[in-house]
Amino acid sequence: VPEFVKEKRFANWLRDAHDWAVSRNRYWGTPIPIWVSEDLEEVVCVGSIDELEELSGVRVTDIHRENVDDITIPSRLGKGVLRRIPEVFDCWFESGAMPYAQLHYPFENKKEFEDGFPADFIAEGIDQTRGWFYTLLVLSTSLFGKPPFKNLIVNGLVLARYLMGTKMSKRKKNYPDPIEIITQYGADALRLYLINSPVVRAENLRFQANGVKDVLKDVFLPWYNAYRFLIQNIIRLEKEEGIVFSYKDEDLGSSSNIMDQWILSSMQSLVLFVKQEMQGYRLYTVVPKLVKFVDLLTNWYVRSNRRRLKGEGGLDDCLKALQTLFNVILTITKTMAPFTPFLTEHMYQNLKRIVPGLKSVDSVHYNMMSQPVESLISVKIEKAVSRMQSVIELARVIRDRKTMPTKYPLPEVVIIHKDPEYLDDVVSLSRYVTEELNVRSVTTSSDKDKYGVSLRAEPDHVVLGKRLKGDFKSVMSGIRQLTNDQVEQYLSSGSIQVLGHDLVAGDLRVIFQFEKENSKYEAHSDNDVLILLDVTPDQSMLDEGVAREVINRIQKLRKKAKLVPTDDVTVFYNAMGSDKYLCNVIMAHGEYISNNIKSPLKPYPVPVCDIIIKESTQLKGSELEITLVKGHEHVTNGPLCRFLNIQLRSNGANITGCGEKTGVVLLENPVQSNHITLEQLHEQAKVLFGQRGRTLKIYTNQDLTTGKMN
């Protein structure tokens, strides 16, 4: 494994193999046990220490040259004495004898040898096709007529990153210190980086420390965050509902939620795949699937079911979602244990407390590998969700292309496909399409002409230019003249002929164009399904997007303060901008923001209380200051604001002494209550502006700007 080493590299070496000179003219090594007469006519090959003692009368236990070179054997043919030849064995001969030498076979351990020979598998680098693999096979075939192993796993070589991938060298110091890599990123990250690299396909790898970092960032952190999210919501369930979560296998598969069914099916399909591939010693196919599943778990299942897992869909639905996620986290922990032993052990020690049957199993590595529960596998559901994912990913490409973040709602996504089953699958999951793409509606159709979409083709200049050379210009012109129907035929069949040249998948770039230049849609396709996204949001959608930006800023501040979902906080805000747009959006969407952050949202001023964290940020041309304080109820000893700026204005009547006078009123009453009443405020304003005996009306700045004063 892989197959090409067996069929090509190793097979070619065996086919062209030369005679093997097993002797070496060196001092250090295993002496060749051959004694000869001076004329080389009499030859004795000694098979054991006992036989040497019997022939020579000398007993030795250390058979290196310094102990055996002086031993002589009397000649049976009257040729005097026989002396050992001076050569030693080629060291590869000793390596090839490993299966027998390690057990001192045939002198001892005969049964142990026969029970373990041939070995289930061996593993070494690809450079050993001419070394250990070959010598093992030669000696085993000579002695027993069969190979010494049933399976052989070949790995490539880990090379230095620079200097064209040269061999790592202590002298050149062209590689990072492994201890520093492990200290910085962990042994599991290094381990997974190597076994998810070309090395396990018998190809060479230019080692890059950034690759280890990426494993930590792209695999371990999302996976660990999903595990932590599970634990946090189990704790939340106990705190809010008074229920101690307990995992039960018999409850598995009882959920009617299609995403629960999908992730369980995907998990069991993965377990089945891992079992089959590991039995075939195809390590290079296993780890990419495991890494891909972590992405499906974290970026699809957990992301699309966060509200359910937090209990927002009701207690029963929350328990089913938690049971599902717990099973998947536990199963992937067991499945990944051979590849990431330390991280999985850490997770397992917490998870096993919730499963009665696992409390006595001390380590994840004491568990047998998970066996697939094939009754939970549904190919139909996996296909439906895969189609939904394709739709979402294609639409996200359009958003990225138009620099429209997902936080901002869009009116509509149109999914065009000729297969009704495909469209039915997407419709059954339209709720998730709506949430993930943040669109108001999902429309399906099998008629792209209805939306004024046509296809045209462009050549891939790099691919075709290199292949067609002088014919490229004429073929390029022919490609650009292809009709919509011809391009559709190319997409369905995967090939087309242009000016006598066969063009296949990858030779052409298919471009979608609209008949109307001012179409509200943007298009993207994977040559299977066509996605149209309405990219013309109205003002209400833009406002909602800003509100989502505010939510994002608050949640990031909570994370920065290392708060957990169960921490009670109140959020105070101050939106400072000349046009008041941000302030108006927050006020209009206050309930929406509060529901999403699960905390009260209040405008400044901040009361005298325990402030957790404060931060200012820029948003839509305004400065937004956010303050998080402990608790939900805040009782103060005085008003939220101690002073009030007031201004005396005339409504048109001739009031003596009235100009544009301003003043400050103290809102605290140090004699009686902690704050003054509205009637006392009137009296203080009259005194301040010398208007005793007159009736004054009090308006806020907002009343003035909206015209309520008139």
Foldseek 3Di string as FASTA:
>chain_A
DPPCCVVPVLVVCVVPPDDDDFWDQDQDAQFQQWWAFPVRPDIDHDDDQVSLCVQQVDHDDDRGCVPQQPTWGQDPVPRGITGGDNIHTDVLLVLLCVLCVVQVPPVDDPVVSVVQWLPAEDEDESVCSVGNLVNVQVVCCVPPVDGSYDYYFYFAEEFAQDPVGHHDDPVVNRHDDPVVLCVVQNPLLVLLLRLQDRRRVNYYHHDDSVSSVCCCVLFVVLLVVLLVLLVLLQVVCCVPVVDNAAADPVCQPVDPDLLLLQLLQLLLVLLVVLVVVVVVVSSNVNSVSLRVNSCCVRVPSCVLCVCLCNQVVHDVSNSNSSNSSLVSSLLSLLQCCVSRVPVSFVSCVVSQVRYVVRPPPNGSVSDDRDHRPNVSHDPLSNVLVVLLVQQLVQLVVVCVVVVNDQLFEFAEKEKEAQDVSNVVSCVVVVVSSCVSSVYPYYHYYNDVVVQQKFKAKAFPCVVCCVVVPPCVVVQRVQRRPDGRVQVLVCLVVQWDDGPNDIDGPPGIDMDMDGPDPPRQWDWDDPSGMIMTTRPDDDPVSVLSSLLVVVLVVVVVVCVVLVHRLVFAKAKEKDKDDDVCSSVVSCVVCVVVSCVVSVYHYYYDDDAPAAWSDWDWDDDPNIIMIMTIGGHRDDDHQADRDQKDKDWFDDPPDDDPQHDGDIDMDGQQDPPDGGGDDPVVVQVVVCVVRVNPPDDDDDDDPVCVVVVVVD
